[in-house]
């Protein structure tokens, strides 16, 4: 892969990754509710989902989804239901934050697996991302060069940029945590998050 092609891919990938979406919102929510360091498993889960989607697209699953309308619709429904589940969780967190804290109550922080698979599930549950990668990757691959080495470079580049952007969202949330972690600030943030997750789920169901 030439340097010019790589730079073009890196620039396009960075623009795509920086666009806020449900996964970015989840990173911000985790950073506010559990702290930046405890949220690192979620960052790894989101990046792992992107790696899997990139690999699936390279293996031709994007073409399979395009050919099977039923499979695409089923995966889209599962993704929408997962977004509604995250909306319910965020609403529950807002209700907990609204209750007066008891002296004997200790904050409950989810473990590594819970945070990792929650982010992985959200990142991997949108079949449109597979179709996007299936259309996006071939533009930067040369048929005259070994395919595997090019794919490894593209996947590694995307992984580094994706992880960096997710950490950026987490650090930004950490900077605003002084206000948003206060009672009303956290309540309203979780309520807004619930509304955005629900809106994303509804938009997924209504889209074609």
Protein backbone atom coordinates (compact mmCIF):
# COMPACT_ATOMS: atom_id res chain seq x y z
CA UNK A 1 0.00 0.00 0.00
CA UNK A 2 1.39 3.39 -1.00
CA UNK A 3 1.79 6.19 1.52
CA UNK A 4 -0.69 8.35 -0.38
CA UNK A 5 -3.37 5.64 -0.25
CA UNK A 6 -2.76 5.06 3.45
CA UNK A 7 -3.00 8.77 4.27
CA UNK A 8 -6.22 9.02 2.28
CA UNK A 9 -7.68 6.04 4.14
CA UNK A 10 -6.57 7.35 7.54
CA UNK A 11 -8.11 10.77 6.86
CA UNK A 12 -11.41 9.30 5.66
CA UNK A 13 -11.52 6.83 8.56
CA UNK A 14 -10.86 9.57 11.11
CA UNK A 15 -13.75 11.65 9.78
CA UNK A 16 -16.10 8.65 9.91
CA UNK A 17 -15.01 7.64 13.42
CA UNK A 18 -15.33 11.17 14.83
CA UNK A 19 -19.01 11.39 13.86
CA UNK A 20 -20.89 10.81 17.16
CA UNK A 21 -23.11 7.75 17.32
CA UNK A 22 -24.67 5.39 19.88
CA UNK A 23 -21.30 3.80 20.68
CA UNK A 24 -19.73 7.21 21.36
CA UNK A 25 -22.64 8.03 23.62
CA UNK A 26 -22.09 4.77 25.50
CA UNK A 27 -18.41 5.65 26.01
CA UNK A 28 -19.38 9.03 27.46
CA UNK A 29 -22.05 7.48 29.66
CA UNK A 30 -19.67 4.84 31.02
CA UNK A 31 -16.99 7.44 31.76
CA UNK A 32 -19.45 9.56 33.72
CA UNK A 33 -21.12 6.74 35.61
CA UNK A 34 -18.08 4.59 36.40
CA UNK A 35 -14.99 6.74 35.79
CA UNK A 36 -12.53 6.74 32.91
CA UNK A 37 -10.23 3.96 34.12
CA UNK A 38 -13.08 1.57 34.99
CA UNK A 39 -14.56 2.19 31.53
CA UNK A 40 -11.49 0.96 29.62
CA UNK A 41 -13.07 -2.51 29.03
CA UNK A 42 -15.91 -0.75 27.20
CA UNK A 43 -13.44 1.05 24.96
CA UNK A 44 -11.79 -2.28 24.14
CA UNK A 45 -15.20 -3.85 23.47
CA UNK A 46 -16.16 -1.14 21.00
CA UNK A 47 -12.85 -1.38 19.16
CA UNK A 48 -13.08 -5.19 19.07
CA UNK A 49 -16.51 -4.89 17.46
CA UNK A 50 -15.07 -2.66 14.74
CA UNK A 51 -12.29 -5.17 14.07
CA UNK A 52 -14.85 -7.96 13.74
CA UNK A 53 -17.00 -5.90 11.36
CA UNK A 54 -13.99 -5.01 9.22
CA UNK A 55 -12.97 -8.66 9.07
CA UNK A 56 -16.53 -9.77 8.28
CA UNK A 57 -16.71 -7.30 5.42
CA UNK A 58 -13.39 -8.54 4.06
CA UNK A 59 -14.71 -12.11 4.20
CA UNK A 60 -17.72 -11.19 2.08
CA UNK A 61 -20.46 -11.07 4.71
CA UNK A 62 -21.42 -7.61 3.47
CA UNK A 63 -22.31 -9.09 0.09
CA UNK A 64 -24.31 -11.81 1.88
CA UNK A 65 -26.35 -9.21 3.76
CA UNK A 66 -27.02 -7.32 0.55
CA UNK A 67 -28.26 -10.52 -1.09
CA UNK A 68 -30.49 -11.60 1.82
CA UNK A 69 -33.14 -9.05 2.76
CA UNK A 70 -34.52 -11.30 5.52
CA UNK A 71 -31.12 -11.72 7.19
CA UNK A 72 -30.47 -7.99 7.02
CA UNK A 73 -33.90 -7.20 8.50
CA UNK A 74 -33.43 -9.74 11.31
CA UNK A 75 -30.05 -8.31 12.28
CA UNK A 76 -31.41 -4.78 12.09
CA UNK A 77 -34.27 -5.74 14.43
CA UNK A 78 -31.83 -7.24 16.93
CA UNK A 79 -29.73 -4.09 16.82
CA UNK A 80 -32.77 -1.88 17.41
CA UNK A 81 -33.92 -4.01 20.34
CA UNK A 82 -30.46 -3.73 21.87
CA UNK A 83 -30.61 0.06 21.59
CA UNK A 84 -33.98 0.04 23.35
CA UNK A 85 -32.43 -2.11 26.08
CA UNK A 86 -29.64 0.45 26.54
CA UNK A 87 -32.26 3.21 26.68
CA UNK A 88 -34.05 1.34 29.48
CA UNK A 89 -30.77 0.90 31.35
CA UNK A 90 -29.94 4.61 31.07
CA UNK A 91 -33.42 5.52 32.32
CA UNK A 92 -32.97 3.18 35.29
CA UNK A 93 -29.64 4.85 36.07
CA UNK A 94 -31.33 8.26 36.00
CA UNK A 95 -33.91 7.03 38.52
CA UNK A 96 -31.18 5.73 40.80
CA UNK A 97 -29.28 9.02 40.58
CA UNK A 98 -32.45 10.93 41.46
CA UNK A 99 -32.89 9.03 44.74
CA UNK A 100 -31.20 10.48 47.82
CA UNK A 101 -28.01 8.55 48.51
CA UNK A 102 -28.00 6.44 51.67
CA UNK A 103 -24.92 6.40 53.87
CA UNK A 104 -24.67 2.61 53.77
CA UNK A 105 -25.11 2.37 50.00
CA UNK A 106 -22.03 1.61 47.95
CA UNK A 107 -21.79 2.38 44.22
CA UNK A 108 -22.07 -0.74 42.11
CA UNK A 109 -19.55 -0.86 39.27
CA UNK A 110 -19.95 -3.53 36.58
CA UNK A 111 -17.05 -5.87 35.93
CA UNK A 112 -14.74 -6.17 32.94
CA UNK A 113 -16.92 -8.69 31.09
CA UNK A 114 -20.11 -6.71 31.54
CA UNK A 115 -18.65 -3.47 30.19
CA UNK A 116 -16.74 -5.20 27.39
CA UNK A 117 -19.67 -7.23 26.04
CA UNK A 118 -22.12 -4.36 26.41
CA UNK A 119 -19.97 -2.17 24.15
CA UNK A 120 -19.14 -5.07 21.83
CA UNK A 121 -22.81 -5.95 21.45
CA UNK A 122 -23.71 -2.38 20.55
CA UNK A 123 -20.84 -2.01 18.10
CA UNK A 124 -21.52 -5.34 16.36
CA UNK A 125 -25.32 -5.20 16.30
CA UNK A 126 -25.74 -2.86 13.34
CA UNK A 127 -25.62 -4.70 9.99
CA UNK A 128 -25.34 -1.35 8.19
CA UNK A 129 -21.79 -1.04 9.54
CA UNK A 130 -20.84 -4.27 7.77
CA UNK A 131 -22.30 -2.92 4.53
CA UNK A 132 -20.45 0.36 5.06
CA UNK A 133 -17.13 -1.41 5.48
CA UNK A 134 -17.89 -3.62 2.48
CA UNK A 135 -18.27 -0.49 0.35
CA UNK A 136 -15.53 1.51 2.08
CA UNK A 137 -12.55 -0.87 2.15
CA UNK A 138 -12.30 -1.82 -1.55
CA UNK A 139 -11.65 1.82 -2.48
CA UNK A 140 -8.25 1.60 -0.79
CA UNK A 141 -7.21 -1.90 -1.83
CA UNK A 142 -5.07 -2.55 -4.89
CA UNK A 143 -5.62 -5.74 -6.83
CA UNK A 144 -1.93 -5.72 -7.82
CA UNK A 145 -0.69 -6.08 -4.22
CA UNK A 146 -1.09 -8.91 -1.66
CA UNK A 147 -4.58 -8.66 -0.16
CA UNK A 148 -3.79 -9.88 3.36
CA UNK A 149 -1.05 -7.35 4.06
CA UNK A 150 -3.26 -4.50 2.84
CA UNK A 151 -6.18 -5.62 5.02
CA UNK A 152 -3.92 -5.87 8.06
CA UNK A 153 -2.67 -2.31 7.53
CA UNK A 154 -6.23 -0.99 7.10
CA UNK A 155 -7.56 -2.84 10.14
CA UNK A 156 -4.61 -1.78 12.33
CA UNK A 157 -5.00 1.85 11.24
CA UNK A 158 -8.73 1.82 11.93
CA UNK A 159 -8.15 0.18 15.33
CA UNK A 160 -5.66 2.82 16.48
CA UNK A 161 -7.84 5.71 15.27
CA UNK A 162 -11.00 4.14 16.73
CA UNK A 163 -9.44 3.59 20.15
CA UNK A 164 -7.99 7.11 20.14
CA UNK A 165 -11.38 8.67 19.33
CA UNK A 166 -13.17 6.63 21.98
CA UNK A 167 -10.61 7.71 24.56
CA UNK A 168 -11.11 11.29 23.39
CA UNK A 169 -14.84 11.06 24.08
CA UNK A 170 -14.10 9.47 27.45
CA UNK A 171 -11.61 12.19 28.40
CA UNK A 172 -14.06 14.88 27.30
CA UNK A 173 -16.71 13.36 29.53
CA UNK A 174 -14.20 13.11 32.37
CA UNK A 175 -13.54 16.84 32.02
CA UNK A 176 -17.25 17.62 32.39
CA UNK A 177 -17.75 15.11 35.18
CA UNK A 178 -17.58 17.72 37.95
CA UNK A 179 -21.02 19.00 36.94
CA UNK A 180 -22.55 15.97 35.28
CA UNK A 181 -21.81 13.69 38.24
CA UNK A 182 -23.76 15.94 40.56
CA UNK A 183 -27.30 14.81 41.37
CA UNK A 184 -29.34 16.68 38.78
CA UNK A 185 -26.57 16.71 36.20
CA UNK A 186 -26.28 12.92 36.19
CA UNK A 187 -30.06 12.50 36.24
CA UNK A 188 -30.56 14.64 33.16
CA UNK A 189 -27.58 13.21 31.30
CA UNK A 190 -28.89 9.67 31.75
CA UNK A 191 -32.39 10.75 30.72
CA UNK A 192 -31.04 12.41 27.58
CA UNK A 193 -28.93 9.30 26.87
CA UNK A 194 -32.04 7.13 27.22
CA UNK A 195 -33.88 9.34 24.74
CA UNK A 196 -31.00 9.25 22.24
CA UNK A 197 -30.65 5.46 22.47
CA UNK A 198 -34.41 5.06 21.99
CA UNK A 199 -34.36 7.49 19.04
CA UNK A 200 -31.50 5.57 17.42
CA UNK A 201 -33.42 2.31 17.86
CA UNK A 202 -36.55 3.82 16.33
CA UNK A 203 -34.59 5.28 13.42
CA UNK A 204 -33.02 1.87 12.80
CA UNK A 205 -36.44 0.20 12.64
CA UNK A 206 -37.88 2.83 10.30
CA UNK A 207 -34.89 3.02 7.96
CA UNK A 208 -34.72 0.96 4.78
